[in-house]
């Protein structure tokens, strides 16, 4: 299935909310403002702000990347404290 978004990113992290934002752009226009599609909390809760992101491959991949990063960080911290 093709993504409805031209680009999806998961680069923005909000320290106050402890959440990573999943943002999408419908076009390649550099002047277009991104839309927040979902937020992923540090405790791995996914909050969808755009229902289409639930089934969009590109959005789901961006969410999986964040969740994978959280898993890796969790495993790393376990190794530090288990020694």
C-alpha atoms as a PDB file:
ATOM      1  CA  UNK A   1       0.000   0.000   0.000  1.00  0.00           C
ATOM      2  CA  UNK A   2       1.350   3.404  -0.950  1.00  0.00           C
ATOM      3  CA  UNK A   3       1.619   6.109   1.687  1.00  0.00           C
ATOM      4  CA  UNK A   4      -0.624   9.144   1.403  1.00  0.00           C
ATOM      5  CA  UNK A   5       2.222  11.268   2.759  1.00  0.00           C
ATOM      6  CA  UNK A   6       5.152  12.318   0.646  1.00  0.00           C
ATOM      7  CA  UNK A   7       7.390  12.240   3.725  1.00  0.00           C
ATOM      8  CA  UNK A   8       7.056  11.031   7.321  1.00  0.00           C
ATOM      9  CA  UNK A   9       9.573  11.855  10.050  1.00  0.00           C
ATOM     10  CA  UNK A  10      10.083  10.949  13.674  1.00  0.00           C
ATOM     11  CA  UNK A  11      12.801  13.467  14.562  1.00  0.00           C
ATOM     12  CA  UNK A  12      11.050  15.802  17.009  1.00  0.00           C
ATOM     13  CA  UNK A  13      11.129  14.911  20.705  1.00  0.00           C
ATOM     14  CA  UNK A  14       9.224  16.985  23.252  1.00  0.00           C
ATOM     15  CA  UNK A  15      11.051  16.868  26.608  1.00  0.00           C
ATOM     16  CA  UNK A  16       8.096  18.204  28.582  1.00  0.00           C
ATOM     17  CA  UNK A  17       5.693  15.567  27.240  1.00  0.00           C
ATOM     18  CA  UNK A  18       8.383  12.843  26.963  1.00  0.00           C
ATOM     19  CA  UNK A  19       7.038  12.049  23.500  1.00  0.00           C
ATOM     20  CA  UNK A  20       8.375  11.644  19.984  1.00  0.00           C
ATOM     21  CA  UNK A  21       6.229  13.243  17.309  1.00  0.00           C
ATOM     22  CA  UNK A  22       5.477  11.448  14.055  1.00  0.00           C
ATOM     23  CA  UNK A  23       5.003  14.150  11.437  1.00  0.00           C
ATOM     24  CA  UNK A  24       3.841  13.894   7.842  1.00  0.00           C
ATOM     25  CA  UNK A  25       3.922  16.065   4.729  1.00  0.00           C
ATOM     26  CA  UNK A  26       1.482  15.540   1.862  1.00  0.00           C
ATOM     27  CA  UNK A  27       3.701  17.150  -0.789  1.00  0.00           C
ATOM     28  CA  UNK A  28       7.369  17.767  -1.519  1.00  0.00           C
ATOM     29  CA  UNK A  29       6.793  21.530  -1.185  1.00  0.00           C
ATOM     30  CA  UNK A  30       9.413  22.921   1.215  1.00  0.00           C
ATOM     31  CA  UNK A  31       6.929  25.585   2.341  1.00  0.00           C
ATOM     32  CA  UNK A  32       4.370  23.030   3.501  1.00  0.00           C
ATOM     33  CA  UNK A  33       3.969  22.715   7.244  1.00  0.00           C
ATOM     34  CA  UNK A  34       4.095  19.184   8.603  1.00  0.00           C
ATOM     35  CA  UNK A  35       1.147  17.684  10.431  1.00  0.00           C
ATOM     36  CA  UNK A  36       1.512  15.626  13.606  1.00  0.00           C
ATOM     37  CA  UNK A  37       0.133  12.193  12.782  1.00  0.00           C
ATOM     38  CA  UNK A  38       0.906  10.462  16.063  1.00  0.00           C
ATOM     39  CA  UNK A  39       2.906  10.733  19.261  1.00  0.00           C
ATOM     40  CA  UNK A  40       4.906   7.943  20.884  1.00  0.00           C
ATOM     41  CA  UNK A  41       5.510   8.216  24.625  1.00  0.00           C
ATOM     42  CA  UNK A  42       8.580   6.969  26.433  1.00  0.00           C
ATOM     43  CA  UNK A  43       6.426   4.179  27.889  1.00  0.00           C
ATOM     44  CA  UNK A  44       5.638   3.056  24.308  1.00  0.00           C
ATOM     45  CA  UNK A  45       2.060   4.333  24.138  1.00  0.00           C
ATOM     46  CA  UNK A  46       1.087   5.435  20.635  1.00  0.00           C
ATOM     47  CA  UNK A  47      -1.451   8.243  20.428  1.00  0.00           C
ATOM     48  CA  UNK A  48      -2.882   8.721  16.949  1.00  0.00           C
ATOM     49  CA  UNK A  49      -3.893  12.241  15.975  1.00  0.00           C
ATOM     50  CA  UNK A  50      -4.690  11.215  12.402  1.00  0.00           C
ATOM     51  CA  UNK A  51      -6.561   7.928  12.039  1.00  0.00           C
ATOM     52  CA  UNK A  52      -5.021   7.340   8.605  1.00  0.00           C
ATOM     53  CA  UNK A  53      -1.638   6.831  10.271  1.00  0.00           C
ATOM     54  CA  UNK A  54      -2.911   3.584  11.810  1.00  0.00           C
ATOM     55  CA  UNK A  55      -2.823   1.863   8.414  1.00  0.00           C
ATOM     56  CA  UNK A  56      -0.268   3.929   6.517  1.00  0.00           C
ATOM     57  CA  UNK A  57       2.956   1.978   5.890  1.00  0.00           C
ATOM     58  CA  UNK A  58       5.260   4.966   6.072  1.00  0.00           C
ATOM     59  CA  UNK A  59       3.728   6.237   9.317  1.00  0.00           C
ATOM     60  CA  UNK A  60       3.838   2.766  10.861  1.00  0.00           C
ATOM     61  CA  UNK A  61       7.503   2.386   9.906  1.00  0.00           C
ATOM     62  CA  UNK A  62       8.327   5.688  11.625  1.00  0.00           C
ATOM     63  CA  UNK A  63       6.456   4.513  14.744  1.00  0.00           C
ATOM     64  CA  UNK A  64       8.262   1.138  14.700  1.00  0.00           C
ATOM     65  CA  UNK A  65      11.612   2.955  14.510  1.00  0.00           C
ATOM     66  CA  UNK A  66      10.778   4.939  17.650  1.00  0.00           C
ATOM     67  CA  UNK A  67       9.564   1.834  19.502  1.00  0.00           C
ATOM     68  CA  UNK A  68      12.702  -0.066  18.471  1.00  0.00           C
ATOM     69  CA  UNK A  69      14.861   2.785  19.765  1.00  0.00           C
ATOM     70  CA  UNK A  70      13.012   2.737  23.086  1.00  0.00           C
ATOM     71  CA  UNK A  71      13.524  -1.044  23.343  1.00  0.00           C
ATOM     72  CA  UNK A  72      17.240  -0.641  22.645  1.00  0.00           C
ATOM     73  CA  UNK A  73      17.568   2.082  25.280  1.00  0.00           C
ATOM     74  CA  UNK A  74      15.703  -0.066  27.790  1.00  0.00           C
ATOM     75  CA  UNK A  75      17.983  -3.045  27.124  1.00  0.00           C
ATOM     76  CA  UNK A  76      21.074  -0.860  27.421  1.00  0.00           C
ATOM     77  CA  UNK A  77      19.939   0.506  30.785  1.00  0.00           C
ATOM     78  CA  UNK A  78      19.234  -3.024  32.023  1.00  0.00           C
ATOM     79  CA  UNK A  79      22.811  -4.063  31.198  1.00  0.00           C
ATOM     80  CA  UNK A  80      24.159  -1.065  33.132  1.00  0.00           C
ATOM     81  CA  UNK A  81      22.166  -1.804  36.253  1.00  0.00           C
ATOM     82  CA  UNK A  82      22.368  -5.614  36.120  1.00  0.00           C
ATOM     83  CA  UNK A  83      26.166  -5.619  36.337  1.00  0.00           C
END
